[in-house]
N, C-alpha and C. Protein backbone atom coordinates (compact mmCIF):
# COMPACT_ATOMS: atom_id res chain seq x y z
N MET A 1 -0.03 2.68 39.57
CA MET A 1 0.76 3.43 38.63
C MET A 1 -0.14 4.28 37.76
N ALA A 2 0.22 5.48 37.49
CA ALA A 2 -0.56 6.44 36.68
C ALA A 2 -0.57 6.04 35.25
N SER A 3 -1.58 6.44 34.53
CA SER A 3 -1.69 6.14 33.09
C SER A 3 -0.66 7.01 32.35
N THR A 4 -0.37 6.64 31.11
CA THR A 4 0.60 7.38 30.31
C THR A 4 0.20 8.85 30.17
N PRO A 5 -1.05 9.16 29.80
CA PRO A 5 -1.41 10.62 29.71
C PRO A 5 -1.24 11.33 31.03
N ALA A 6 -1.53 10.67 32.18
CA ALA A 6 -1.33 11.30 33.48
C ALA A 6 0.12 11.58 33.72
N LEU A 7 1.01 10.60 33.34
CA LEU A 7 2.43 10.84 33.54
C LEU A 7 2.98 11.99 32.69
N VAL A 8 2.48 12.03 31.46
CA VAL A 8 2.89 13.13 30.59
C VAL A 8 2.41 14.46 31.15
N ASP A 9 1.16 14.52 31.60
CA ASP A 9 0.62 15.78 32.17
C ASP A 9 1.47 16.19 33.41
N ARG A 10 1.82 15.21 34.24
CA ARG A 10 2.63 15.50 35.44
C ARG A 10 4.00 16.07 35.04
N LEU A 11 4.62 15.46 34.06
CA LEU A 11 5.92 15.92 33.60
C LEU A 11 5.80 17.35 33.04
N LEU A 12 4.83 17.57 32.17
CA LEU A 12 4.63 18.89 31.59
C LEU A 12 4.36 19.94 32.67
N ASN A 13 3.63 19.55 33.69
CA ASN A 13 3.35 20.51 34.82
C ASN A 13 4.65 20.88 35.53
N GLN A 14 5.56 19.90 35.69
CA GLN A 14 6.87 20.21 36.29
C GLN A 14 7.64 21.16 35.43
N LEU A 15 7.60 20.98 34.13
CA LEU A 15 8.31 21.86 33.22
C LEU A 15 7.77 23.26 33.18
N LYS A 16 6.51 23.42 33.47
CA LYS A 16 5.89 24.74 33.46
C LYS A 16 6.49 25.72 34.49
N GLY A 17 7.13 25.12 35.51
CA GLY A 17 7.71 25.92 36.54
C GLY A 17 8.89 26.78 36.07
N ALA A 18 9.57 26.45 35.03
CA ALA A 18 10.71 27.20 34.52
C ALA A 18 10.72 27.10 32.97
N PRO A 19 9.72 27.64 32.30
CA PRO A 19 9.60 27.49 30.84
C PRO A 19 10.77 28.07 30.06
N ALA A 20 11.41 29.08 30.58
CA ALA A 20 12.53 29.68 29.90
C ALA A 20 13.78 28.79 29.89
N GLU A 21 13.72 27.78 30.76
CA GLU A 21 14.87 26.84 30.88
C GLU A 21 14.58 25.46 30.21
N VAL A 22 13.46 25.36 29.53
CA VAL A 22 13.06 24.05 28.98
C VAL A 22 13.26 23.98 27.48
N ALA A 23 13.83 22.84 27.10
CA ALA A 23 13.96 22.54 25.65
C ALA A 23 13.33 21.14 25.48
N LEU A 24 12.48 21.07 24.45
CA LEU A 24 11.85 19.77 24.12
C LEU A 24 12.36 19.33 22.80
N PHE A 25 12.90 18.14 22.71
CA PHE A 25 13.42 17.55 21.50
C PHE A 25 12.57 16.37 21.16
N LEU A 26 11.91 16.39 20.02
CA LEU A 26 10.96 15.34 19.62
C LEU A 26 11.39 14.71 18.29
N ASP A 27 11.16 13.42 18.15
CA ASP A 27 11.41 12.70 16.92
C ASP A 27 10.18 12.77 16.04
N PHE A 28 10.42 12.60 14.73
CA PHE A 28 9.27 12.72 13.82
C PHE A 28 8.58 11.33 13.65
N ASP A 29 9.31 10.38 12.97
CA ASP A 29 8.69 9.12 12.64
C ASP A 29 8.46 8.26 13.88
N GLY A 30 7.26 7.92 14.13
CA GLY A 30 6.97 7.07 15.26
C GLY A 30 6.64 7.79 16.57
N VAL A 31 6.90 9.12 16.60
CA VAL A 31 6.58 9.94 17.76
C VAL A 31 5.53 10.99 17.39
N LEU A 32 5.92 11.90 16.46
CA LEU A 32 4.97 12.91 16.06
C LEU A 32 4.04 12.41 14.92
N ALA A 33 4.55 11.51 14.11
CA ALA A 33 3.76 10.95 13.01
C ALA A 33 3.81 9.41 13.15
N PRO A 34 2.73 8.80 12.94
CA PRO A 34 2.69 7.33 13.01
C PRO A 34 3.60 6.67 11.93
N ILE A 35 4.12 5.53 12.34
CA ILE A 35 4.91 4.72 11.31
C ILE A 35 3.88 4.26 10.23
N VAL A 36 4.23 4.50 9.04
CA VAL A 36 3.41 4.06 7.92
C VAL A 36 4.19 3.19 6.91
N GLU A 37 3.51 2.49 6.07
CA GLU A 37 4.21 1.62 5.17
C GLU A 37 5.08 2.37 4.20
N ARG A 38 4.62 3.52 3.69
CA ARG A 38 5.37 4.34 2.78
C ARG A 38 5.81 5.62 3.47
N PRO A 39 7.10 5.84 3.68
CA PRO A 39 7.59 7.01 4.42
C PRO A 39 7.09 8.31 3.87
N GLU A 40 6.81 8.42 2.57
CA GLU A 40 6.30 9.66 2.03
C GLU A 40 4.89 9.95 2.44
N ASP A 41 4.17 8.97 3.09
CA ASP A 41 2.85 9.18 3.53
C ASP A 41 2.75 9.60 4.99
N ALA A 42 3.89 9.80 5.64
CA ALA A 42 3.96 10.12 7.09
C ALA A 42 3.69 11.60 7.33
N TYR A 43 2.70 11.91 8.10
CA TYR A 43 2.37 13.26 8.52
C TYR A 43 1.80 13.21 9.94
N PRO A 44 2.04 14.24 10.73
CA PRO A 44 1.48 14.20 12.07
C PRO A 44 -0.01 14.53 12.01
N PRO A 45 -0.79 13.95 12.87
CA PRO A 45 -2.19 14.23 12.89
C PRO A 45 -2.44 15.74 13.30
N ALA A 46 -3.62 16.24 12.94
CA ALA A 46 -3.95 17.64 13.22
C ALA A 46 -3.83 17.97 14.74
N GLU A 47 -4.26 17.01 15.57
CA GLU A 47 -4.16 17.31 17.00
C GLU A 47 -2.71 17.34 17.50
N THR A 48 -1.82 16.69 16.83
CA THR A 48 -0.43 16.76 17.18
C THR A 48 0.14 18.16 16.80
N ARG A 49 -0.26 18.66 15.65
CA ARG A 49 0.15 20.00 15.24
C ARG A 49 -0.37 21.07 16.20
N THR A 50 -1.60 20.91 16.63
CA THR A 50 -2.22 21.82 17.60
C THR A 50 -1.43 21.78 18.91
N GLU A 51 -1.06 20.61 19.37
CA GLU A 51 -0.26 20.50 20.62
C GLU A 51 1.11 21.13 20.45
N LEU A 52 1.73 20.91 19.26
CA LEU A 52 3.09 21.52 19.04
C LEU A 52 2.96 23.05 19.04
N GLU A 53 1.92 23.62 18.49
CA GLU A 53 1.71 25.06 18.51
C GLU A 53 1.58 25.57 19.95
N ARG A 54 0.91 24.80 20.75
CA ARG A 54 0.76 25.18 22.16
C ARG A 54 2.10 25.13 22.87
N LEU A 55 2.86 24.06 22.64
CA LEU A 55 4.16 23.92 23.32
C LEU A 55 5.15 24.98 22.88
N VAL A 56 5.16 25.37 21.59
CA VAL A 56 5.98 26.48 21.08
C VAL A 56 5.72 27.75 21.85
N GLY A 57 4.48 27.96 22.23
CA GLY A 57 4.12 29.19 22.99
C GLY A 57 4.52 29.10 24.39
N LEU A 58 4.83 27.92 24.94
CA LEU A 58 5.10 27.75 26.37
C LEU A 58 6.61 27.66 26.70
N TYR A 59 7.39 27.04 25.79
CA TYR A 59 8.79 26.66 26.16
C TYR A 59 9.81 27.41 25.34
N GLU A 60 10.94 27.58 25.86
CA GLU A 60 12.08 28.30 25.19
C GLU A 60 12.45 27.70 23.82
N LEU A 61 12.47 26.33 23.79
CA LEU A 61 12.90 25.70 22.59
C LEU A 61 12.07 24.41 22.37
N VAL A 62 11.51 24.25 21.17
CA VAL A 62 10.85 23.04 20.77
C VAL A 62 11.56 22.65 19.46
N ALA A 63 12.08 21.45 19.41
CA ALA A 63 12.82 21.04 18.22
C ALA A 63 12.34 19.65 17.78
N VAL A 64 12.36 19.46 16.45
CA VAL A 64 12.03 18.11 15.90
C VAL A 64 13.33 17.66 15.26
N VAL A 65 13.83 16.51 15.70
CA VAL A 65 15.02 15.89 15.22
C VAL A 65 14.67 14.65 14.43
N SER A 66 15.23 14.51 13.23
CA SER A 66 14.82 13.39 12.42
C SER A 66 15.98 12.91 11.52
N GLY A 67 15.84 11.68 11.11
CA GLY A 67 16.78 11.18 10.12
C GLY A 67 16.44 11.65 8.71
N ARG A 68 15.28 12.21 8.56
CA ARG A 68 14.86 12.80 7.26
C ARG A 68 15.55 14.14 7.06
N ALA A 69 15.50 14.62 5.83
CA ALA A 69 16.04 15.93 5.55
C ALA A 69 15.27 16.99 6.37
N GLY A 70 15.96 17.96 6.86
CA GLY A 70 15.34 19.01 7.65
C GLY A 70 14.19 19.74 6.90
N ASP A 71 14.35 20.06 5.65
CA ASP A 71 13.29 20.78 4.90
C ASP A 71 12.08 19.82 4.75
N ASP A 72 12.32 18.50 4.60
CA ASP A 72 11.21 17.58 4.50
C ASP A 72 10.40 17.54 5.76
N VAL A 73 11.06 17.48 6.89
CA VAL A 73 10.40 17.45 8.18
C VAL A 73 9.65 18.76 8.39
N ARG A 74 10.23 19.88 8.07
CA ARG A 74 9.62 21.17 8.23
C ARG A 74 8.31 21.23 7.45
N ARG A 75 8.36 20.75 6.21
CA ARG A 75 7.16 20.74 5.38
C ARG A 75 6.10 19.82 5.93
N ARG A 76 6.46 18.69 6.46
CA ARG A 76 5.45 17.73 6.98
C ARG A 76 4.87 18.16 8.31
N VAL A 77 5.64 18.77 9.22
CA VAL A 77 5.14 19.21 10.50
C VAL A 77 4.40 20.53 10.27
N ALA A 78 4.99 21.47 9.57
CA ALA A 78 4.34 22.76 9.23
C ALA A 78 3.88 23.53 10.42
N VAL A 79 4.71 23.65 11.46
CA VAL A 79 4.42 24.48 12.63
C VAL A 79 5.55 25.48 12.74
N ASP A 80 5.23 26.77 12.74
CA ASP A 80 6.21 27.85 12.95
C ASP A 80 6.74 27.88 14.37
N GLY A 81 7.99 28.31 14.51
CA GLY A 81 8.55 28.46 15.81
C GLY A 81 9.28 27.18 16.32
N ILE A 82 9.28 26.10 15.54
CA ILE A 82 9.98 24.93 15.84
C ILE A 82 11.38 24.93 15.15
N VAL A 83 12.40 24.45 15.84
CA VAL A 83 13.67 24.30 15.21
C VAL A 83 13.69 22.86 14.65
N TYR A 84 14.01 22.76 13.34
CA TYR A 84 14.03 21.46 12.66
C TYR A 84 15.45 21.03 12.48
N VAL A 85 15.75 19.78 12.94
CA VAL A 85 17.12 19.25 12.80
C VAL A 85 16.98 17.97 12.00
N GLY A 86 17.59 17.97 10.79
CA GLY A 86 17.49 16.80 9.89
C GLY A 86 18.76 16.02 9.83
N SER A 87 18.70 14.93 9.08
CA SER A 87 19.78 14.02 8.86
C SER A 87 20.54 13.62 10.14
N HIS A 88 19.72 13.23 11.12
CA HIS A 88 20.26 12.75 12.41
C HIS A 88 21.13 13.83 13.09
N GLY A 89 20.86 15.05 12.93
CA GLY A 89 21.58 16.12 13.61
C GLY A 89 22.58 16.90 12.72
N LEU A 90 22.73 16.46 11.48
CA LEU A 90 23.71 17.17 10.63
C LEU A 90 23.17 18.42 9.98
N GLU A 91 21.79 18.60 9.97
CA GLU A 91 21.20 19.79 9.33
C GLU A 91 20.39 20.51 10.42
N LEU A 92 20.65 21.83 10.55
CA LEU A 92 19.89 22.65 11.48
C LEU A 92 19.12 23.70 10.67
N ASN A 93 17.84 23.66 10.78
CA ASN A 93 16.96 24.62 10.07
C ASN A 93 16.17 25.39 11.11
N ARG A 94 16.35 26.67 11.14
CA ARG A 94 15.61 27.49 12.13
C ARG A 94 14.45 28.18 11.45
């Protein structure tokens, strides 16, 4: 069985075949940012932001969906070109 990074790379390579048809929906807490003791301390690492910037340039839609307020997630991720969806889908921030 391939390692997790190898599986992710293989999946992303498949998606490269039709980038205009791809939408990536990512969660914030526990996916883009590590789970921390105090929620106000959660931020994605710099390398995660760099990867998000790369993905925004490749795919039709990159979205971050969170239970947090959309403006809060936008401020914490701080990557242009992402669609931020807060309050478990009730808020849409473009």
